[in-house]
């Protein structure tokens, strides 16, 4: 089995190109919005994954599926979320999301 390469951080991905976007991502999005007590991180993950599936934003979905699992969302809940959204957001985004979720689940052992 091939050893997995470490995933690049957002700093490595965009830091040199877009330092202000990096600053906003780290300071505002993850430093403030995700830390607000009015919603749990688990609830924020459910909302974020739902939005990314509904908008078919697969570039960001993998990261947030992994984060959702870390934040206490179960695999069964993610599958149910995607199944539910198939009827509201469309079949193609749901199919793309479930294939990605299956891959994320297989790496979460």
C-alpha atoms as a PDB file:
ATOM      1  CA  UNK A   1       0.000   0.000   0.000  1.00  0.00           C
ATOM      2  CA  UNK A   2       1.391   3.391  -0.986  1.00  0.00           C
ATOM      3  CA  UNK A   3       2.109   5.832   1.788  1.00  0.00           C
ATOM      4  CA  UNK A   4      -0.159   8.876   1.687  1.00  0.00           C
ATOM      5  CA  UNK A   5       1.502  12.227   1.236  1.00  0.00           C
ATOM      6  CA  UNK A   6       0.612  14.852   3.851  1.00  0.00           C
ATOM      7  CA  UNK A   7      -2.099  17.205   2.681  1.00  0.00           C
ATOM      8  CA  UNK A   8      -0.921  20.744   1.987  1.00  0.00           C
ATOM      9  CA  UNK A   9      -2.119  23.374   4.412  1.00  0.00           C
ATOM     10  CA  UNK A  10      -4.040  26.433   3.270  1.00  0.00           C
ATOM     11  CA  UNK A  11      -0.876  28.415   4.024  1.00  0.00           C
ATOM     12  CA  UNK A  12       1.091  26.216   1.615  1.00  0.00           C
ATOM     13  CA  UNK A  13      -1.653  26.352  -1.008  1.00  0.00           C
ATOM     14  CA  UNK A  14      -2.268  30.106  -1.176  1.00  0.00           C
ATOM     15  CA  UNK A  15       0.088  31.898   1.224  1.00  0.00           C
ATOM     16  CA  UNK A  16       2.570  33.142  -1.369  1.00  0.00           C
ATOM     17  CA  UNK A  17      -0.098  34.048  -3.902  1.00  0.00           C
ATOM     18  CA  UNK A  18      -2.845  35.563  -1.752  1.00  0.00           C
ATOM     19  CA  UNK A  19      -1.562  36.571   1.683  1.00  0.00           C
ATOM     20  CA  UNK A  20      -4.660  38.650   2.479  1.00  0.00           C
ATOM     21  CA  UNK A  21      -6.984  35.755   1.618  1.00  0.00           C
ATOM     22  CA  UNK A  22      -4.855  33.547   3.864  1.00  0.00           C
ATOM     23  CA  UNK A  23      -5.100  36.119   6.674  1.00  0.00           C
ATOM     24  CA  UNK A  24      -8.900  36.261   6.318  1.00  0.00           C
ATOM     25  CA  UNK A  25      -9.184  32.477   6.155  1.00  0.00           C
ATOM     26  CA  UNK A  26      -7.102  31.904   9.277  1.00  0.00           C
ATOM     27  CA  UNK A  27      -8.152  34.945  11.287  1.00  0.00           C
ATOM     28  CA  UNK A  28     -11.763  35.588  10.379  1.00  0.00           C
ATOM     29  CA  UNK A  29     -13.198  32.344   9.010  1.00  0.00           C
ATOM     30  CA  UNK A  30     -11.473  29.788  11.233  1.00  0.00           C
ATOM     31  CA  UNK A  31     -10.348  32.137  14.008  1.00  0.00           C
ATOM     32  CA  UNK A  32     -13.685  33.898  14.549  1.00  0.00           C
ATOM     33  CA  UNK A  33     -16.659  32.463  12.650  1.00  0.00           C
ATOM     34  CA  UNK A  34     -15.957  28.789  13.404  1.00  0.00           C
ATOM     35  CA  UNK A  35     -15.284  29.653  17.081  1.00  0.00           C
ATOM     36  CA  UNK A  36     -18.515  31.557  17.788  1.00  0.00           C
ATOM     37  CA  UNK A  37     -20.453  29.817  20.580  1.00  0.00           C
ATOM     38  CA  UNK A  38     -23.928  30.324  19.096  1.00  0.00           C
ATOM     39  CA  UNK A  39     -23.542  27.155  16.996  1.00  0.00           C
ATOM     40  CA  UNK A  40     -21.484  24.084  17.789  1.00  0.00           C
ATOM     41  CA  UNK A  41     -18.685  23.091  15.437  1.00  0.00           C
ATOM     42  CA  UNK A  42     -20.734  19.970  14.689  1.00  0.00           C
ATOM     43  CA  UNK A  43     -23.691  22.103  13.570  1.00  0.00           C
ATOM     44  CA  UNK A  44     -21.409  24.370  11.558  1.00  0.00           C
ATOM     45  CA  UNK A  45     -19.985  21.289   9.823  1.00  0.00           C
ATOM     46  CA  UNK A  46     -23.486  20.035   8.948  1.00  0.00           C
ATOM     47  CA  UNK A  47     -24.372  23.440   7.522  1.00  0.00           C
ATOM     48  CA  UNK A  48     -21.100  23.783   5.627  1.00  0.00           C
ATOM     49  CA  UNK A  49     -21.166  20.288   4.113  1.00  0.00           C
ATOM     50  CA  UNK A  50     -24.821  20.771   3.121  1.00  0.00           C
ATOM     51  CA  UNK A  51     -24.037  24.055   1.432  1.00  0.00           C
ATOM     52  CA  UNK A  52     -21.014  22.680  -0.411  1.00  0.00           C
ATOM     53  CA  UNK A  53     -23.018  19.677  -1.641  1.00  0.00           C
ATOM     54  CA  UNK A  54     -25.966  21.847  -2.695  1.00  0.00           C
ATOM     55  CA  UNK A  55     -23.705  24.244  -4.593  1.00  0.00           C
ATOM     56  CA  UNK A  56     -21.600  21.380  -6.025  1.00  0.00           C
ATOM     57  CA  UNK A  57     -18.400  22.896  -4.589  1.00  0.00           C
ATOM     58  CA  UNK A  58     -16.330  19.721  -4.610  1.00  0.00           C
ATOM     59  CA  UNK A  59     -12.963  21.514  -4.380  1.00  0.00           C
ATOM     60  CA  UNK A  60     -13.743  22.437  -0.772  1.00  0.00           C
ATOM     61  CA  UNK A  61     -15.942  19.445   0.084  1.00  0.00           C
ATOM     62  CA  UNK A  62     -13.228  16.883   0.929  1.00  0.00           C
ATOM     63  CA  UNK A  63     -11.678  19.135   3.577  1.00  0.00           C
ATOM     64  CA  UNK A  64     -15.071  19.818   5.151  1.00  0.00           C
ATOM     65  CA  UNK A  65     -16.134  16.164   5.105  1.00  0.00           C
ATOM     66  CA  UNK A  66     -12.968  15.339   7.036  1.00  0.00           C
ATOM     67  CA  UNK A  67     -13.589  18.250   9.394  1.00  0.00           C
ATOM     68  CA  UNK A  68     -17.210  17.155   9.904  1.00  0.00           C
ATOM     69  CA  UNK A  69     -16.037  13.726  11.040  1.00  0.00           C
ATOM     70  CA  UNK A  70     -13.559  15.401  13.413  1.00  0.00           C
ATOM     71  CA  UNK A  71     -16.404  17.584  14.725  1.00  0.00           C
ATOM     72  CA  UNK A  72     -18.592  14.602  15.605  1.00  0.00           C
ATOM     73  CA  UNK A  73     -20.779  14.204  12.539  1.00  0.00           C
ATOM     74  CA  UNK A  74     -21.141  10.482  11.851  1.00  0.00           C
ATOM     75  CA  UNK A  75     -20.660   8.755   8.518  1.00  0.00           C
ATOM     76  CA  UNK A  76     -24.320   7.726   8.594  1.00  0.00           C
ATOM     77  CA  UNK A  77     -25.378  11.339   9.114  1.00  0.00           C
ATOM     78  CA  UNK A  78     -23.250  12.484   6.175  1.00  0.00           C
ATOM     79  CA  UNK A  79     -24.751   9.791   3.935  1.00  0.00           C
ATOM     80  CA  UNK A  80     -28.266  10.795   5.032  1.00  0.00           C
ATOM     81  CA  UNK A  81     -27.484  14.482   4.471  1.00  0.00           C
ATOM     82  CA  UNK A  82     -26.318  13.748   0.922  1.00  0.00           C
ATOM     83  CA  UNK A  83     -29.297  11.478   0.210  1.00  0.00           C
ATOM     84  CA  UNK A  84     -31.701  14.159   1.441  1.00  0.00           C
ATOM     85  CA  UNK A  85     -30.015  16.831  -0.666  1.00  0.00           C
ATOM     86  CA  UNK A  86     -30.275  14.703  -3.815  1.00  0.00           C
ATOM     87  CA  UNK A  87     -33.938  15.734  -3.939  1.00  0.00           C
ATOM     88  CA  UNK A  88     -33.381  19.410  -3.153  1.00  0.00           C
ATOM     89  CA  UNK A  89     -30.000  20.196  -4.719  1.00  0.00           C
ATOM     90  CA  UNK A  90     -29.992  17.705  -7.574  1.00  0.00           C
ATOM     91  CA  UNK A  91     -28.823  14.230  -8.373  1.00  0.00           C
ATOM     92  CA  UNK A  92     -25.426  15.111  -9.944  1.00  0.00           C
ATOM     93  CA  UNK A  93     -24.149  17.095  -6.923  1.00  0.00           C
ATOM     94  CA  UNK A  94     -25.321  14.328  -4.589  1.00  0.00           C
ATOM     95  CA  UNK A  95     -23.615  11.633  -6.653  1.00  0.00           C
ATOM     96  CA  UNK A  96     -20.358  13.612  -6.746  1.00  0.00           C
ATOM     97  CA  UNK A  97     -20.583  14.176  -2.988  1.00  0.00           C
ATOM     98  CA  UNK A  98     -21.297  10.556  -2.080  1.00  0.00           C
ATOM     99  CA  UNK A  99     -18.381   9.318  -4.184  1.00  0.00           C
ATOM    100  CA  UNK A 100     -16.107  11.784  -2.412  1.00  0.00           C
ATOM    101  CA  UNK A 101     -17.566  10.862   0.978  1.00  0.00           C
ATOM    102  CA  UNK A 102     -16.939   7.169   0.279  1.00  0.00           C
ATOM    103  CA  UNK A 103     -13.297   7.983  -0.447  1.00  0.00           C
ATOM    104  CA  UNK A 104     -12.976  10.102   2.724  1.00  0.00           C
ATOM    105  CA  UNK A 105     -14.601   7.323   4.790  1.00  0.00           C
ATOM    106  CA  UNK A 106     -12.167   4.750   3.404  1.00  0.00           C
ATOM    107  CA  UNK A 107      -9.225   6.875   4.571  1.00  0.00           C
ATOM    108  CA  UNK A 108     -10.724   7.399   8.054  1.00  0.00           C
ATOM    109  CA  UNK A 109      -9.683   4.122   9.666  1.00  0.00           C
END
